[in-house]
PDB file of N, CA and C in Angstrom:
ATOM      1  N   MET A   1     122.403 -38.011  17.884  1.00  0.00           N
ATOM      2  CA  MET A   1     120.877 -37.248  17.980  1.00  0.00           C
ATOM      3  C   MET A   1     119.989 -36.996  16.912  1.00  0.00           C
ATOM      4  N   ALA A   2     119.193 -37.814  16.932  1.00  0.00           N
ATOM      5  CA  ALA A   2     118.391 -38.040  15.684  1.00  0.00           C
ATOM      6  C   ALA A   2     117.674 -36.745  15.351  1.00  0.00           C
ATOM      7  N   ASP A   3     117.347 -36.562  14.207  1.00  0.00           N
ATOM      8  CA  ASP A   3     116.624 -35.213  13.350  1.00  0.00           C
ATOM      9  C   ASP A   3     115.371 -35.098  13.806  1.00  0.00           C
ATOM     10  N   ILE A   4     114.516 -34.034  14.365  1.00  0.00           N
ATOM     11  CA  ILE A   4     113.265 -33.988  14.446  1.00  0.00           C
ATOM     12  C   ILE A   4     112.596 -33.368  13.433  1.00  0.00           C
ATOM     13  N   PRO A   5     111.519 -34.389  12.815  1.00  0.00           N
ATOM     14  CA  PRO A   5     110.866 -33.894  11.767  1.00  0.00           C
ATOM     15  C   PRO A   5     110.342 -32.413  11.808  1.00  0.00           C
ATOM     16  N   ALA A   6     110.104 -31.344  10.719  1.00  0.00           N
ATOM     17  CA  ALA A   6     109.194 -30.282  10.783  1.00  0.00           C
ATOM     18  C   ALA A   6     107.970 -30.196  11.011  1.00  0.00           C
ATOM     19  N   ILE A   7     107.223 -29.338  12.019  1.00  0.00           N
ATOM     20  CA  ILE A   7     105.670 -29.776  11.743  1.00  0.00           C
ATOM     21  C   ILE A   7     105.263 -28.676  10.920  1.00  0.00           C
ATOM     22  N   VAL A   8     105.840 -27.651  10.883  1.00  0.00           N
ATOM     23  CA  VAL A   8     105.796 -26.505   9.522  1.00  0.00           C
ATOM     24  C   VAL A   8     106.906 -26.330   8.503  1.00  0.00           C
ATOM     25  N   SER A   9     106.544 -26.042   7.436  1.00  0.00           N
ATOM     26  CA  SER A   9     107.729 -25.673   6.807  1.00  0.00           C
ATOM     27  C   SER A   9     108.867 -24.700   6.803  1.00  0.00           C
ATOM     28  N   GLN A  10     110.033 -24.498   6.245  1.00  0.00           N
ATOM     29  CA  GLN A  10     110.502 -23.226   6.832  1.00  0.00           C
ATOM     30  C   GLN A  10     109.974 -21.791   6.429  1.00  0.00           C
ATOM     31  N   GLU A  11     109.113 -22.017   4.851  1.00  0.00           N
ATOM     32  CA  GLU A  11     109.130 -20.713   4.257  1.00  0.00           C
ATOM     33  C   GLU A  11     107.603 -20.379   5.404  1.00  0.00           C
ATOM     34  N   GLN A  12     106.739 -21.171   5.901  1.00  0.00           N
ATOM     35  CA  GLN A  12     105.868 -20.891   6.939  1.00  0.00           C
ATOM     36  C   GLN A  12     106.466 -20.206   7.830  1.00  0.00           C
ATOM     37  N   PHE A  13     107.254 -20.661   8.601  1.00  0.00           N
ATOM     38  CA  PHE A  13     108.066 -20.405  10.089  1.00  0.00           C
ATOM     39  C   PHE A  13     108.611 -18.766   9.637  1.00  0.00           C
ATOM     40  N   ASP A  14     109.536 -18.640   8.595  1.00  0.00           N
ATOM     41  CA  ASP A  14     110.101 -17.644   8.231  1.00  0.00           C
ATOM     42  C   ASP A  14     108.883 -16.563   8.322  1.00  0.00           C
ATOM     43  N   LEU A  15     107.398 -16.983   7.380  1.00  0.00           N
ATOM     44  CA  LEU A  15     106.528 -15.545   7.185  1.00  0.00           C
ATOM     45  C   LEU A  15     106.256 -15.024   9.009  1.00  0.00           C
ATOM     46  N   VAL A  16     106.087 -16.445   9.725  1.00  0.00           N
ATOM     47  CA  VAL A  16     105.395 -16.095  11.342  1.00  0.00           C
ATOM     48  C   VAL A  16     106.152 -15.045  12.232  1.00  0.00           C
ATOM     49  N   GLN A  17     107.303 -15.719  11.669  1.00  0.00           N
ATOM     50  CA  GLN A  17     108.499 -14.578  12.366  1.00  0.00           C
ATOM     51  C   GLN A  17     108.537 -13.656  11.813  1.00  0.00           C
ATOM     52  N   ALA A  18     108.450 -12.872  10.237  1.00  0.00           N
ATOM     53  CA  ALA A  18     108.481 -11.649   9.851  1.00  0.00           C
ATOM     54  C   ALA A  18     106.833 -11.237  11.124  1.00  0.00           C
ATOM     55  N   LYS A  19     105.773 -11.746  10.616  1.00  0.00           N
ATOM     56  CA  LYS A  19     104.634 -11.334  11.060  1.00  0.00           C
ATOM     57  C   LYS A  19     104.783 -10.702  12.406  1.00  0.00           C
ATOM     58  N   LEU A  20     105.749 -11.522  13.002  1.00  0.00           N
ATOM     59  CA  LEU A  20     105.558 -11.679  14.974  1.00  0.00           C
ATOM     60  C   LEU A  20     106.734 -10.123  14.843  1.00  0.00           C
ATOM     61  N   ALA A  21     107.375 -10.039  14.300  1.00  0.00           N
ATOM     62  CA  ALA A  21     108.300  -8.979  13.973  1.00  0.00           C
ATOM     63  C   ALA A  21     107.670  -7.218  14.097  1.00  0.00           C
ATOM     64  N   ARG A  22     107.294  -7.530  12.538  1.00  0.00           N
ATOM     65  CA  ARG A  22     106.087  -6.691  12.578  1.00  0.00           C
ATOM     66  C   ARG A  22     105.028  -6.185  13.425  1.00  0.00           C
ATOM     67  N   ASN A  23     104.500  -7.233  14.495  1.00  0.00           N
ATOM     68  CA  ASN A  23     103.486  -6.634  15.396  1.00  0.00           C
ATOM     69  C   ASN A  23     104.226  -6.277  16.740  1.00  0.00           C
ATOM     70  N   GLN A  24     105.216  -6.693  16.846  1.00  0.00           N
ATOM     71  CA  GLN A  24     106.152  -5.645  17.864  1.00  0.00           C
ATOM     72  C   GLN A  24     106.253  -4.824  17.871  1.00  0.00           C
ATOM     73  N   SER A  25     106.634  -4.192  16.315  1.00  0.00           N
ATOM     74  CA  SER A  25     107.482  -3.020  16.275  1.00  0.00           C
ATOM     75  C   SER A  25     105.881  -2.094  15.939  1.00  0.00           C
ATOM     76  N   PHE A  26     105.134  -2.109  15.833  1.00  0.00           N
ATOM     77  CA  PHE A  26     103.488  -1.419  16.024  1.00  0.00           C
ATOM     78  C   PHE A  26     103.161  -1.756  17.366  1.00  0.00           C
ATOM     79  N   ALA A  27     103.339  -2.699  18.477  1.00  0.00           N
ATOM     80  CA  ALA A  27     102.711  -2.833  19.397  1.00  0.00           C
ATOM     81  C   ALA A  27     103.238  -1.541  20.718  1.00  0.00           C
ATOM     82  N   THR A  28     104.833  -1.193  20.279  1.00  0.00           N
ATOM     83  CA  THR A  28     104.696  -0.522  21.029  1.00  0.00           C
ATOM     84  C   THR A  28     104.535   1.153  21.175  1.00  0.00           C
ATOM     85  N   ARG A  29     104.117   1.087  19.755  1.00  0.00           N
ATOM     86  CA  ARG A  29     103.869   2.740  19.414  1.00  0.00           C
ATOM     87  C   ARG A  29     102.788   3.489  20.132  1.00  0.00           C
ATOM     88  N   HIS A  30     101.878   2.556  20.510  1.00  0.00           N
ATOM     89  CA  HIS A  30     101.042   2.982  21.660  1.00  0.00           C
ATOM     90  C   HIS A  30     100.447   2.029  22.753  1.00  0.00           C
ATOM     91  N   ASN A  31     101.553   1.686  22.990  1.00  0.00           N
ATOM     92  CA  ASN A  31     101.235   0.507  24.083  1.00  0.00           C
ATOM     93  C   ASN A  31     102.814   1.377  25.517  1.00  0.00           C
ATOM     94  N   THR A  32     102.648   1.852  26.253  1.00  0.00           N
ATOM     95  CA  THR A  32     103.540   2.486  26.988  1.00  0.00           C
ATOM     96  C   THR A  32     103.705   1.911  28.193  1.00  0.00           C
ATOM     97  N   THR A  33     104.708   0.693  28.777  1.00  0.00           N
ATOM     98  CA  THR A  33     104.462   0.068  30.132  1.00  0.00           C
ATOM     99  C   THR A  33     105.129   0.777  30.964  1.00  0.00           C
ATOM    100  N   HIS A  34     104.326   0.694  32.216  1.00  0.00           N
ATOM    101  CA  HIS A  34     104.751   0.931  33.668  1.00  0.00           C
ATOM    102  C   HIS A  34     104.793  -0.012  34.419  1.00  0.00           C
ATOM    103  N   GLN A  35     105.820  -0.105  35.593  1.00  0.00           N
ATOM    104  CA  GLN A  35     105.792  -0.721  36.679  1.00  0.00           C
ATOM    105  C   GLN A  35     104.966  -0.970  37.512  1.00  0.00           C
ATOM    106  N   TYR A  36     104.464  -1.994  38.049  1.00  0.00           N
ATOM    107  CA  TYR A  36     103.621  -2.200  38.701  1.00  0.00           C
ATOM    108  C   TYR A  36     103.867  -3.063  39.743  1.00  0.00           C
ATOM    109  N   LEU A  37     104.520  -3.267  41.162  1.00  0.00           N
ATOM    110  CA  LEU A  37     105.063  -3.917  41.812  1.00  0.00           C
ATOM    111  C   LEU A  37     104.121  -5.036  42.318  1.00  0.00           C
ATOM    112  N   LEU A  38     103.144  -5.108  42.216  1.00  0.00           N
ATOM    113  CA  LEU A  38     101.996  -6.391  42.274  1.00  0.00           C
ATOM    114  C   LEU A  38     101.256  -6.676  41.150  1.00  0.00           C
ATOM    115  N   ARG A  39     101.746  -6.361  39.943  1.00  0.00           N
ATOM    116  CA  ARG A  39     100.946  -6.921  38.612  1.00  0.00           C
ATOM    117  C   ARG A  39     100.947  -8.375  39.069  1.00  0.00           C
ATOM    118  N   ALA A  40      99.588  -8.621  38.323  1.00  0.00           N
ATOM    119  CA  ALA A  40      98.935 -10.142  38.238  1.00  0.00           C
ATOM    120  C   ALA A  40      98.976 -10.806  39.946  1.00  0.00           C
ATOM    121  N   LEU A  41      98.700  -9.910  40.945  1.00  0.00           N
ATOM    122  CA  LEU A  41      98.638 -10.118  42.087  1.00  0.00           C
ATOM    123  C   LEU A  41      97.390  -9.431  43.168  1.00  0.00           C
ATOM    124  N   VAL A  42      96.945  -8.562  42.327  1.00  0.00           N
ATOM    125  CA  VAL A  42      95.747  -7.809  43.589  1.00  0.00           C
ATOM    126  C   VAL A  42      94.377  -8.408  42.809  1.00  0.00           C
ATOM    127  N   SER A  43      93.555  -8.588  43.607  1.00  0.00           N
ATOM    128  CA  SER A  43      92.091  -8.912  43.311  1.00  0.00           C
ATOM    129  C   SER A  43      91.633  -8.177  44.186  1.00  0.00           C
ATOM    130  N   CYS A  44      90.300  -7.862  43.558  1.00  0.00           N
ATOM    131  CA  CYS A  44      88.938  -7.115  44.184  1.00  0.00           C
ATOM    132  C   CYS A  44      88.612  -7.590  45.569  1.00  0.00           C
ATOM    133  N   GLY A  45      88.553  -6.603  46.236  1.00  0.00           N
ATOM    134  CA  GLY A  45      87.712  -7.505  47.906  1.00  0.00           C
ATOM    135  C   GLY A  45      86.296  -7.354  47.869  1.00  0.00           C
ATOM    136  N   ILE A  46      85.991  -7.153  46.680  1.00  0.00           N
ATOM    137  CA  ILE A  46      84.605  -6.809  46.405  1.00  0.00           C
ATOM    138  C   ILE A  46      84.007  -8.313  45.578  1.00  0.00           C
ATOM    139  N   CYS A  47      84.342  -8.098  44.236  1.00  0.00           N
ATOM    140  CA  CYS A  47      84.014  -9.141  43.561  1.00  0.00           C
ATOM    141  C   CYS A  47      84.989 -10.551  43.593  1.00  0.00           C
ATOM    142  N   GLN A  48      86.088 -10.201  43.647  1.00  0.00           N
ATOM    143  CA  GLN A  48      87.124 -11.478  43.942  1.00  0.00           C
ATOM    144  C   GLN A  48      87.674 -11.004  42.414  1.00  0.00           C
ATOM    145  N   LEU A  49      87.461 -10.440  41.422  1.00  0.00           N
ATOM    146  CA  LEU A  49      87.904 -10.634  40.048  1.00  0.00           C
ATOM    147  C   LEU A  49      89.442 -10.118  40.176  1.00  0.00           C
ATOM    148  N   ALA A  50      90.187 -10.197  39.154  1.00  0.00           N
ATOM    149  CA  ALA A  50      91.738  -9.737  39.373  1.00  0.00           C
ATOM    150  C   ALA A  50      91.700  -8.192  39.135  1.00  0.00           C
ATOM    151  N   CYS A  51      92.773  -7.550  39.870  1.00  0.00           N
ATOM    152  CA  CYS A  51      92.828  -5.847  39.426  1.00  0.00           C
ATOM    153  C   CYS A  51      93.950  -6.175  38.380  1.00  0.00           C
ATOM    154  N   CYS A  52      94.053  -4.871  37.145  1.00  0.00           N
ATOM    155  CA  CYS A  52      95.032  -4.391  36.395  1.00  0.00           C
ATOM    156  C   CYS A  52      95.552  -3.226  36.762  1.00  0.00           C
ATOM    157  N   GLY A  53      97.040  -3.005  36.537  1.00  0.00           N
ATOM    158  CA  GLY A  53      97.516  -1.718  36.294  1.00  0.00           C
ATOM    159  C   GLY A  53      96.924  -0.752  35.481  1.00  0.00           C
ATOM    160  N   ARG A  54      96.580   0.288  35.771  1.00  0.00           N
ATOM    161  CA  ARG A  54      96.554   1.537  34.732  1.00  0.00           C
ATOM    162  C   ARG A  54      97.426   2.794  35.420  1.00  0.00           C
ATOM    163  N   THR A  55      97.646   3.758  33.941  1.00  0.00           N
ATOM    164  CA  THR A  55      98.232   4.696  34.567  1.00  0.00           C
ATOM    165  C   THR A  55      97.408   6.083  33.763  1.00  0.00           C
ATOM    166  N   SER A  56      97.017   7.180  34.555  1.00  0.00           N
ATOM    167  CA  SER A  56      96.335   8.222  33.617  1.00  0.00           C
ATOM    168  C   SER A  56      97.477   8.407  32.824  1.00  0.00           C
ATOM    169  N   PRO A  57      96.280   9.499  31.469  1.00  0.00           N
ATOM    170  CA  PRO A  57      97.054   9.351  30.103  1.00  0.00           C
ATOM    171  C   PRO A  57      98.404  10.528  30.373  1.00  0.00           C
ATOM    172  N   ASN A  58      97.804  11.347  31.560  1.00  0.00           N
ATOM    173  CA  ASN A  58      99.031  12.331  31.588  1.00  0.00           C
ATOM    174  C   ASN A  58     100.681  11.588  32.574  1.00  0.00           C
ATOM    175  N   GLY A  59     100.123  10.378  32.721  1.00  0.00           N
ATOM    176  CA  GLY A  59     100.988   9.825  33.329  1.00  0.00           C
ATOM    177  C   GLY A  59     101.837   9.951  34.951  1.00  0.00           C
ATOM    178  N   ARG A  60     100.924  10.757  35.550  1.00  0.00           N
ATOM    179  CA  ARG A  60     101.223  11.211  37.016  1.00  0.00           C
ATOM    180  C   ARG A  60     100.412  10.045  37.983  1.00  0.00           C
ATOM    181  N   TYR A  61      99.296   9.631  37.744  1.00  0.00           N
ATOM    182  CA  TYR A  61      98.779   8.698  38.426  1.00  0.00           C
ATOM    183  C   TYR A  61      98.503   7.316  38.086  1.00  0.00           C
ATOM    184  N   SER A  62      99.012   6.109  39.091  1.00  0.00           N
ATOM    185  CA  SER A  62      98.666   5.181  38.832  1.00  0.00           C
ATOM    186  C   SER A  62      97.735   4.619  39.944  1.00  0.00           C
ATOM    187  N   TYR A  63      96.803   3.174  38.832  1.00  0.00           N
ATOM    188  CA  TYR A  63      96.084   2.857  40.030  1.00  0.00           C
ATOM    189  C   TYR A  63      96.008   1.211  39.675  1.00  0.00           C
ATOM    190  N   TYR A  64      95.464   0.280  40.819  1.00  0.00           N
ATOM    191  CA  TYR A  64      94.967  -0.700  40.465  1.00  0.00           C
ATOM    192  C   TYR A  64      93.415  -0.918  39.945  1.00  0.00           C
ATOM    193  N   ILE A  65      92.753  -1.612  38.782  1.00  0.00           N
ATOM    194  CA  ILE A  65      91.586  -1.321  38.564  1.00  0.00           C
ATOM    195  C   ILE A  65      90.882  -2.731  38.791  1.00  0.00           C
ATOM    196  N   CYS A  66      89.865  -2.834  39.327  1.00  0.00           N
ATOM    197  CA  CYS A  66      88.950  -4.446  38.847  1.00  0.00           C
ATOM    198  C   CYS A  66      88.811  -4.399  37.769  1.00  0.00           C
ATOM    199  N   THR A  67      88.790  -5.656  36.908  1.00  0.00           N
ATOM    200  CA  THR A  67      88.768  -5.967  35.766  1.00  0.00           C
ATOM    201  C   THR A  67      87.152  -6.381  35.693  1.00  0.00           C
ATOM    202  N   GLY A  68      86.291  -5.754  36.947  1.00  0.00           N
ATOM    203  CA  GLY A  68      85.217  -6.081  36.837  1.00  0.00           C
ATOM    204  C   GLY A  68      84.400  -4.942  36.384  1.00  0.00           C
ATOM    205  N   LYS A  69      85.390  -3.661  36.264  1.00  0.00           N
ATOM    206  CA  LYS A  69      85.051  -2.642  35.685  1.00  0.00           C
ATOM    207  C   LYS A  69      85.111  -2.597  34.302  1.00  0.00           C
ATOM    208  N   ASP A  70      85.329  -3.525  34.003  1.00  0.00           N
ATOM    209  CA  ASP A  70      85.612  -3.650  32.108  1.00  0.00           C
ATOM    210  C   ASP A  70      83.747  -3.650  31.463  1.00  0.00           C
ATOM    211  N   ARG A  71      83.914  -3.717  30.326  1.00  0.00           N
ATOM    212  CA  ARG A  71      82.389  -3.785  29.741  1.00  0.00           C
ATOM    213  C   ARG A  71      82.008  -4.971  30.325  1.00  0.00           C
ATOM    214  N   LEU A  72      80.243  -5.052  30.174  1.00  0.00           N
ATOM    215  CA  LEU A  72      79.896  -6.287  30.995  1.00  0.00           C
ATOM    216  C   LEU A  72      80.009  -7.513  29.969  1.00  0.00           C
ATOM    217  N   VAL A  73      80.195  -6.843  28.779  1.00  0.00           N
ATOM    218  CA  VAL A  73      80.684  -8.547  27.844  1.00  0.00           C
ATOM    219  C   VAL A  73      81.713  -9.045  28.350  1.00  0.00           C
ATOM    220  N   GLN A  74      82.861  -8.331  28.559  1.00  0.00           N
ATOM    221  CA  GLN A  74      84.412  -8.323  28.831  1.00  0.00           C
ATOM    222  C   GLN A  74      84.159  -9.328  29.866  1.00  0.00           C
ATOM    223  N   ASN A  75      83.718  -8.741  31.058  1.00  0.00           N
ATOM    224  CA  ASN A  75      83.406  -9.306  32.458  1.00  0.00           C
ATOM    225  C   ASN A  75      82.746 -10.322  32.999  1.00  0.00           C
ATOM    226  N   ARG A  76      81.793 -10.669  31.791  1.00  0.00           N
ATOM    227  CA  ARG A  76      81.028 -11.809  32.155  1.00  0.00           C
ATOM    228  C   ARG A  76      80.167 -11.591  33.132  1.00  0.00           C
ATOM    229  N   ARG A  77      79.676 -10.112  33.291  1.00  0.00           N
ATOM    230  CA  ARG A  77      78.803  -9.956  34.705  1.00  0.00           C
ATOM    231  C   ARG A  77      77.581  -9.652  34.531  1.00  0.00           C
ATOM    232  N   GLU A  78      76.922  -9.272  35.421  1.00  0.00           N
ATOM    233  CA  GLU A  78      75.717  -8.612  35.041  1.00  0.00           C
ATOM    234  C   GLU A  78      75.387  -6.823  35.109  1.00  0.00           C
ATOM    235  N   GLU A  79      76.156  -6.675  36.092  1.00  0.00           N
ATOM    236  CA  GLU A  79      76.555  -5.737  36.175  1.00  0.00           C
ATOM    237  C   GLU A  79      78.027  -5.216  36.690  1.00  0.00           C
ATOM    238  N   LYS A  80      78.676  -3.578  36.390  1.00  0.00           N
ATOM    239  CA  LYS A  80      79.889  -3.209  36.751  1.00  0.00           C
ATOM    240  C   LYS A  80      80.557  -3.168  38.336  1.00  0.00           C
ATOM    241  N   CYS A  81      81.614  -3.703  38.339  1.00  0.00           N
ATOM    242  CA  CYS A  81      81.605  -3.813  39.821  1.00  0.00           C
ATOM    243  C   CYS A  81      82.319  -2.106  40.307  1.00  0.00           C
ATOM    244  N   PRO A  82      81.420  -2.105  41.409  1.00  0.00           N
ATOM    245  CA  PRO A  82      81.480  -0.890  42.253  1.00  0.00           C
ATOM    246  C   PRO A  82      82.889  -0.197  43.037  1.00  0.00           C
ATOM    247  N   ALA A  83      83.504  -1.232  42.901  1.00  0.00           N
ATOM    248  CA  ALA A  83      84.715  -0.968  43.988  1.00  0.00           C
ATOM    249  C   ALA A  83      85.651  -0.071  43.266  1.00  0.00           C
ATOM    250  N   ARG A  84      86.327   0.875  44.251  1.00  0.00           N
ATOM    251  CA  ARG A  84      87.387   2.128  43.799  1.00  0.00           C
ATOM    252  C   ARG A  84      88.419   1.915  43.510  1.00  0.00           C
ATOM    253  N   PHE A  85      89.113   2.522  42.303  1.00  0.00           N
ATOM    254  CA  PHE A  85      90.273   3.028  42.186  1.00  0.00           C
ATOM    255  C   PHE A  85      91.048   2.592  43.050  1.00  0.00           C
ATOM    256  N   ILE A  86      92.591   1.616  43.358  1.00  0.00           N
ATOM    257  CA  ILE A  86      93.383   1.668  44.267  1.00  0.00           C
ATOM    258  C   ILE A  86      94.627   2.457  44.155  1.00  0.00           C
ATOM    259  N   PRO A  87      94.966   3.597  44.483  1.00  0.00           N
ATOM    260  CA  PRO A  87      96.156   4.048  43.966  1.00  0.00           C
ATOM    261  C   PRO A  87      97.460   2.934  44.155  1.00  0.00           C
ATOM    262  N   ALA A  88      98.054   2.908  43.365  1.00  0.00           N
ATOM    263  CA  ALA A  88      99.204   2.016  43.156  1.00  0.00           C
ATOM    264  C   ALA A  88     100.255   2.265  44.044  1.00  0.00           C
ATOM    265  N   ARG A  89     100.357   3.323  43.835  1.00  0.00           N
ATOM    266  CA  ARG A  89     101.696   3.814  44.794  1.00  0.00           C
ATOM    267  C   ARG A  89     101.445   3.795  46.155  1.00  0.00           C
ATOM    268  N   GLN A  90     100.361   3.737  46.926  1.00  0.00           N
ATOM    269  CA  GLN A  90     100.182   3.443  48.175  1.00  0.00           C
ATOM    270  C   GLN A  90      99.910   2.141  48.360  1.00  0.00           C
ATOM    271  N   LEU A  91      99.305   1.100  47.840  1.00  0.00           N
ATOM    272  CA  LEU A  91      99.363  -0.479  47.819  1.00  0.00           C
ATOM    273  C   LEU A  91     100.268  -0.865  47.558  1.00  0.00           C
ATOM    274  N   ASP A  92     101.282  -0.303  46.485  1.00  0.00           N
ATOM    275  CA  ASP A  92     102.623  -0.890  46.359  1.00  0.00           C
ATOM    276  C   ASP A  92     103.938  -0.804  47.658  1.00  0.00           C
ATOM    277  N   ASP A  93     103.746   0.839  48.156  1.00  0.00           N
ATOM    278  CA  ASP A  93     104.231   0.948  49.576  1.00  0.00           C
ATOM    279  C   ASP A  93     104.003   0.187  50.703  1.00  0.00           C
ATOM    280  N   LEU A  94     102.515  -0.016  50.959  1.00  0.00           N
ATOM    281  CA  LEU A  94     101.916  -0.472  51.871  1.00  0.00           C
ATOM    282  C   LEU A  94     102.601  -1.968  52.250  1.00  0.00           C
ATOM    283  N   VAL A  95     102.715  -2.827  50.794  1.00  0.00           N
ATOM    284  CA  VAL A  95     103.130  -4.443  50.535  1.00  0.00           C
ATOM    285  C   VAL A  95     104.660  -4.200  50.432  1.00  0.00           C
ATOM    286  N   TRP A  96     105.209  -3.310  50.101  1.00  0.00           N
ATOM    287  CA  TRP A  96     106.655  -3.513  50.561  1.00  0.00           C
ATOM    288  C   TRP A  96     107.334  -3.271  52.043  1.00  0.00           C
ATOM    289  N   GLN A  97     106.743  -2.367  52.633  1.00  0.00           N
ATOM    290  CA  GLN A  97     106.917  -2.408  54.111  1.00  0.00           C
ATOM    291  C   GLN A  97     106.351  -4.049  54.593  1.00  0.00           C
ATOM    292  N   ASP A  98     105.350  -4.516  54.456  1.00  0.00           N
ATOM    293  CA  ASP A  98     105.293  -5.325  55.126  1.00  0.00           C
ATOM    294  C   ASP A  98     105.998  -6.310  54.975  1.00  0.00           C
ATOM    295  N   LEU A  99     106.673  -6.320  53.771  1.00  0.00           N
ATOM    296  CA  LEU A  99     107.617  -7.366  53.278  1.00  0.00           C
ATOM    297  C   LEU A  99     108.599  -7.414  54.006  1.00  0.00           C
ATOM    298  N   CYS A 100     109.516  -5.770  53.582  1.00  0.00           N
ATOM    299  CA  CYS A 100     110.316  -5.625  54.254  1.00  0.00           C
ATOM    300  C   CYS A 100     110.503  -5.998  56.302  1.00  0.00           C
ATOM    301  N   ASP A 101     109.242  -6.078  56.916  1.00  0.00           N
ATOM    302  CA  ASP A 101     108.881  -5.938  58.422  1.00  0.00           C
ATOM    303  C   ASP A 101     109.056  -7.963  58.391  1.00  0.00           C
ATOM    304  N   LEU A 102     108.589  -8.230  57.378  1.00  0.00           N
ATOM    305  CA  LEU A 102     108.882  -9.644  57.345  1.00  0.00           C
ATOM    306  C   LEU A 102     109.930 -10.105  57.455  1.00  0.00           C
ATOM    307  N   LEU A 103     110.757  -9.965  56.239  1.00  0.00           N
ATOM    308  CA  LEU A 103     112.180 -10.259  55.957  1.00  0.00           C
ATOM    309  C   LEU A 103     113.203  -9.744  57.243  1.00  0.00           C
ATOM    310  N   THR A 104     112.781  -8.678  57.794  1.00  0.00           N
ATOM    311  CA  THR A 104     113.939  -8.371  59.438  1.00  0.00           C
ATOM    312  C   THR A 104     113.412  -9.079  60.621  1.00  0.00           C
ATOM    313  N   HIS A 105     112.286  -9.442  60.742  1.00  0.00           N
ATOM    314  CA  HIS A 105     111.395 -10.272  61.556  1.00  0.00           C
ATOM    315  C   HIS A 105     111.004 -11.515  60.856  1.00  0.00           C
ATOM    316  N   PRO A 106     112.362 -12.975  60.480  1.00  0.00           N
ATOM    317  CA  PRO A 106     111.687 -13.810  60.170  1.00  0.00           C
ATOM    318  C   PRO A 106     111.313 -14.641  61.150  1.00  0.00           C
ATOM    319  N   GLN A 107     110.992 -14.765  62.322  1.00  0.00           N
ATOM    320  CA  GLN A 107     109.889 -15.398  63.540  1.00  0.00           C
ATOM    321  C   GLN A 107     108.801 -15.550  63.009  1.00  0.00           C
ATOM    322  N   ALA A 108     108.139 -14.344  62.453  1.00  0.00           N
ATOM    323  CA  ALA A 108     106.965 -14.005  62.468  1.00  0.00           C
ATOM    324  C   ALA A 108     106.163 -14.945  61.028  1.00  0.00           C
ATOM    325  N   ILE A 109     107.342 -15.467  60.426  1.00  0.00           N
ATOM    326  CA  ILE A 109     107.059 -16.303  59.565  1.00  0.00           C
ATOM    327  C   ILE A 109     106.579 -18.006  60.080  1.00  0.00           C
ATOM    328  N   ALA A 110     107.109 -18.301  61.395  1.00  0.00           N
ATOM    329  CA  ALA A 110     107.209 -19.044  61.787  1.00  0.00           C
ATOM    330  C   ALA A 110     105.936 -18.857  62.904  1.00  0.00           C
ATOM    331  N   VAL A 111     105.628 -17.978  63.285  1.00  0.00           N
ATOM    332  CA  VAL A 111     104.522 -17.755  64.276  1.00  0.00           C
ATOM    333  C   VAL A 111     103.103 -18.129  63.100  1.00  0.00           C
ATOM    334  N   ALA A 112     102.875 -17.399  62.156  1.00  0.00           N
ATOM    335  CA  ALA A 112     102.179 -17.266  61.295  1.00  0.00           C
ATOM    336  C   ALA A 112     101.442 -18.700  60.662  1.00  0.00           C
ATOM    337  N   MET A 113     102.953 -19.624  60.684  1.00  0.00           N
ATOM    338  CA  MET A 113     102.726 -20.763  59.897  1.00  0.00           C
ATOM    339  C   MET A 113     102.290 -21.539  61.356  1.00  0.00           C
ATOM    340  N   GLU A 114     102.696 -21.338  62.520  1.00  0.00           N
ATOM    341  CA  GLU A 114     102.064 -22.342  63.521  1.00  0.00           C
ATOM    342  C   GLU A 114     100.428 -21.697  63.522  1.00  0.00           C
ATOM    343  N   ARG A 115      99.948 -20.775  63.441  1.00  0.00           N
ATOM    344  CA  ARG A 115      98.613 -19.864  64.009  1.00  0.00           C
ATOM    345  C   ARG A 115      98.012 -20.929  62.093  1.00  0.00           C
ATOM    346  N   ALA A 116      98.320 -20.798  61.252  1.00  0.00           N
ATOM    347  CA  ALA A 116      97.905 -21.356  60.125  1.00  0.00           C
ATOM    348  C   ALA A 116      97.661 -23.176  60.242  1.00  0.00           C
ATOM    349  N   LEU A 117      98.600 -23.593  60.728  1.00  0.00           N
ATOM    350  CA  LEU A 117      98.432 -24.896  60.962  1.00  0.00           C
ATOM    351  C   LEU A 117      97.524 -25.337  62.161  1.00  0.00           C
ATOM    352  N   GLY A 118      97.413 -24.681  63.197  1.00  0.00           N
ATOM    353  CA  GLY A 118      96.574 -24.551  64.551  1.00  0.00           C
ATOM    354  C   GLY A 118      95.290 -24.333  64.030  1.00  0.00           C
ATOM    355  N   GLY A 119      94.847 -24.092  62.547  1.00  0.00           N
ATOM    356  CA  GLY A 119      93.611 -23.372  62.499  1.00  0.00           C
ATOM    357  C   GLY A 119      93.162 -21.868  62.571  1.00  0.00           C
TER     358      GLY A 119
END
């Protein structure tokens, strides 16, 4: 097998790896992660922008929040989205129950496909 020439020097590579390791060590300090069943799958019913998961500072409440509520510069909109926060637990439970129902009744998939193909 032929050697592939390096794009960057070993010294540069080592410096970047050290910087990445430092960044990772700092990132976890103020960034607690929370589990969201529908992470990256929820969109706003009003403006169709993506929703992201957020948890209250005390950790008791989790929500899916429209990114249209971010600062106007960030969301590139004229005004903030008026959508309300979506309680994550309620939406997660609803979607999980629908998924379980679908898996226990697979004939529903066939019916839905027939309906979709029929217009």
